[in-house]
Amino acid sequence: MSGKSIKIRKLAYFIKEITNSSSRIEVVEPREWEKDPINFIGDPTKCKKLLDLEFKTSIKEGLQLTYNRYRLYINQPYWKYLLDYSISQLYI
């Protein structure tokens, strides 16, 4: 939630790099409802105002962390992920 725009294509390349995927990225024309705005810009001000949280992780780092956690827990029960996540939040 940087408040900065990022193109979907760039996100796709980040994900491809993080996952070591050999998938081909296909660029197509946006659908009518996607044309304006083409970029999504998350607004972090509400999170700061309501929860007093500021995130310092870049989108690429966040994607990498999410992917690593997914790979760690992919074959384990969901409750183990929730328990480990909850415990990790106590030490932030």
C-alpha atoms as a PDB file:
ATOM      1  CA  MET A   1       0.000   0.000   0.000  1.00  0.00           C
ATOM      2  CA  SER A   2       2.454   2.563  -1.218  1.00  0.00           C
ATOM      3  CA  GLY A   3      -0.002   5.038  -2.661  1.00  0.00           C
ATOM      4  CA  LYS A   4       1.884   4.703  -5.955  1.00  0.00           C
ATOM      5  CA  SER A   5       0.513   3.218  -9.147  1.00  0.00           C
ATOM      6  CA  ILE A   6       1.810  -0.018 -10.611  1.00  0.00           C
ATOM      7  CA  LYS A   7       0.952  -1.554 -13.947  1.00  0.00           C
ATOM      8  CA  ILE A   8      -0.617  -5.001 -14.022  1.00  0.00           C
ATOM      9  CA  ARG A   9       2.092  -6.113 -16.449  1.00  0.00           C
ATOM     10  CA  LYS A  10       4.773  -5.233 -13.885  1.00  0.00           C
ATOM     11  CA  LEU A  11       2.903  -7.238 -11.221  1.00  0.00           C
ATOM     12  CA  ALA A  12       2.760 -10.191 -13.604  1.00  0.00           C
ATOM     13  CA  TYR A  13       6.526 -10.042 -14.156  1.00  0.00           C
ATOM     14  CA  PHE A  14       7.137  -9.778 -10.396  1.00  0.00           C
ATOM     15  CA  ILE A  15       5.018 -12.876  -9.815  1.00  0.00           C
ATOM     16  CA  LYS A  16       6.674 -14.747 -12.667  1.00  0.00           C
ATOM     17  CA  GLU A  17      10.119 -13.951 -11.253  1.00  0.00           C
ATOM     18  CA  ILE A  18       9.193 -14.800  -7.646  1.00  0.00           C
ATOM     19  CA  THR A  19       7.625 -18.137  -8.579  1.00  0.00           C
ATOM     20  CA  ASN A  20      10.290 -19.054 -11.160  1.00  0.00           C
ATOM     21  CA  SER A  21       7.454 -19.641 -13.584  1.00  0.00           C
ATOM     22  CA  SER A  22       8.021 -20.407 -17.238  1.00  0.00           C
ATOM     23  CA  SER A  23       4.496 -19.205 -18.049  1.00  0.00           C
ATOM     24  CA  ARG A  24       4.105 -16.772 -20.891  1.00  0.00           C
ATOM     25  CA  ILE A  25       2.627 -13.376 -20.053  1.00  0.00           C
ATOM     26  CA  GLU A  26       0.008 -12.478 -22.615  1.00  0.00           C
ATOM     27  CA  VAL A  27      -0.911  -8.829 -22.994  1.00  0.00           C
ATOM     28  CA  VAL A  28      -4.458  -8.220 -24.185  1.00  0.00           C
ATOM     29  CA  GLU A  29      -6.597  -5.146 -24.669  1.00  0.00           C
ATOM     30  CA  PRO A  30      -8.354  -4.080 -21.461  1.00  0.00           C
ATOM     31  CA  ARG A  31     -12.066  -4.711 -21.158  1.00  0.00           C
ATOM     32  CA  GLU A  32     -14.280  -1.626 -21.239  1.00  0.00           C
ATOM     33  CA  TRP A  33     -14.646  -1.400 -17.462  1.00  0.00           C
ATOM     34  CA  GLU A  34     -10.859  -1.732 -16.991  1.00  0.00           C
ATOM     35  CA  LYS A  35      -9.843   1.186 -19.183  1.00  0.00           C
ATOM     36  CA  ASP A  36     -10.149   3.981 -16.659  1.00  0.00           C
ATOM     37  CA  PRO A  37      -8.093   3.776 -14.538  1.00  0.00           C
ATOM     38  CA  ILE A  38      -5.742   1.171 -15.960  1.00  0.00           C
ATOM     39  CA  ASN A  39      -3.584   1.332 -12.830  1.00  0.00           C
ATOM     40  CA  PHE A  40      -4.896   0.567  -9.365  1.00  0.00           C
ATOM     41  CA  ILE A  41      -3.580   2.826  -6.658  1.00  0.00           C
ATOM     42  CA  GLY A  42      -4.073   1.649  -3.090  1.00  0.00           C
ATOM     43  CA  ASP A  43      -4.609   4.469  -0.623  1.00  0.00           C
ATOM     44  CA  PRO A  44      -2.805   3.748   2.662  1.00  0.00           C
ATOM     45  CA  THR A  45      -4.215   6.774   4.508  1.00  0.00           C
ATOM     46  CA  LYS A  46      -7.321   4.981   5.804  1.00  0.00           C
ATOM     47  CA  CYS A  47      -5.211   2.161   7.229  1.00  0.00           C
ATOM     48  CA  LYS A  48      -3.006   4.714   8.981  1.00  0.00           C
ATOM     49  CA  LYS A  49      -5.978   6.699  10.257  1.00  0.00           C
ATOM     50  CA  LEU A  50      -8.077   3.767  11.518  1.00  0.00           C
ATOM     51  CA  LEU A  51      -5.411   1.275  12.588  1.00  0.00           C
ATOM     52  CA  ASP A  52      -2.330   3.459  13.014  1.00  0.00           C
ATOM     53  CA  LEU A  53      -0.408   1.119  10.693  1.00  0.00           C
ATOM     54  CA  GLU A  54       2.180   2.104   8.149  1.00  0.00           C
ATOM     55  CA  PHE A  55       3.622  -0.516   5.823  1.00  0.00           C
ATOM     56  CA  LYS A  56       7.215  -0.212   4.733  1.00  0.00           C
ATOM     57  CA  THR A  57       7.355  -3.348   2.603  1.00  0.00           C
ATOM     58  CA  SER A  58       7.460  -2.842  -1.154  1.00  0.00           C
ATOM     59  CA  ILE A  59       4.923  -4.603  -3.366  1.00  0.00           C
ATOM     60  CA  LYS A  60       7.618  -6.955  -4.651  1.00  0.00           C
ATOM     61  CA  GLU A  61       8.775  -7.826  -1.125  1.00  0.00           C
ATOM     62  CA  GLY A  62       5.160  -8.344  -0.051  1.00  0.00           C
ATOM     63  CA  LEU A  63       4.541 -10.696  -2.970  1.00  0.00           C
ATOM     64  CA  GLN A  64       7.718 -12.607  -2.117  1.00  0.00           C
ATOM     65  CA  LEU A  65       6.701 -12.944   1.552  1.00  0.00           C
ATOM     66  CA  THR A  66       3.201 -14.084   0.587  1.00  0.00           C
ATOM     67  CA  TYR A  67       4.580 -16.660  -1.856  1.00  0.00           C
ATOM     68  CA  ASN A  68       7.102 -17.972   0.696  1.00  0.00           C
ATOM     69  CA  ARG A  69       4.369 -18.373   3.318  1.00  0.00           C
ATOM     70  CA  TYR A  70       2.112 -20.084   0.773  1.00  0.00           C
ATOM     71  CA  ARG A  71       4.870 -22.556  -0.154  1.00  0.00           C
ATOM     72  CA  LEU A  72       5.583 -23.221   3.527  1.00  0.00           C
ATOM     73  CA  TYR A  73       1.967 -24.076   4.344  1.00  0.00           C
ATOM     74  CA  ILE A  74       0.653 -25.517   1.081  1.00  0.00           C
ATOM     75  CA  ASN A  75       0.552 -29.104   2.358  1.00  0.00           C
ATOM     76  CA  GLN A  76      -0.328 -28.354   5.976  1.00  0.00           C
ATOM     77  CA  PRO A  77      -3.636 -27.801   7.741  1.00  0.00           C
ATOM     78  CA  TYR A  78      -4.920 -24.240   7.603  1.00  0.00           C
ATOM     79  CA  TRP A  79      -5.123 -23.998  11.399  1.00  0.00           C
ATOM     80  CA  LYS A  80      -1.319 -24.393  11.612  1.00  0.00           C
ATOM     81  CA  TYR A  81      -0.873 -21.375   9.348  1.00  0.00           C
ATOM     82  CA  LEU A  82      -3.280 -19.327  11.460  1.00  0.00           C
ATOM     83  CA  LEU A  83      -1.587 -20.352  14.691  1.00  0.00           C
ATOM     84  CA  ASP A  84       1.917 -19.580  13.415  1.00  0.00           C
ATOM     85  CA  TYR A  85       0.750 -16.276  11.944  1.00  0.00           C
ATOM     86  CA  SER A  86      -0.947 -15.265  15.186  1.00  0.00           C
ATOM     87  CA  ILE A  87       2.151 -16.081  17.206  1.00  0.00           C
ATOM     88  CA  SER A  88       4.379 -14.164  14.791  1.00  0.00           C
ATOM     89  CA  GLN A  89       2.205 -11.063  15.250  1.00  0.00           C
ATOM     90  CA  LEU A  90       2.895 -11.046  18.992  1.00  0.00           C
ATOM     91  CA  TYR A  91       6.551 -10.280  18.370  1.00  0.00           C
ATOM     92  CA  ILE A  92       6.243  -7.424  15.902  1.00  0.00           C
END
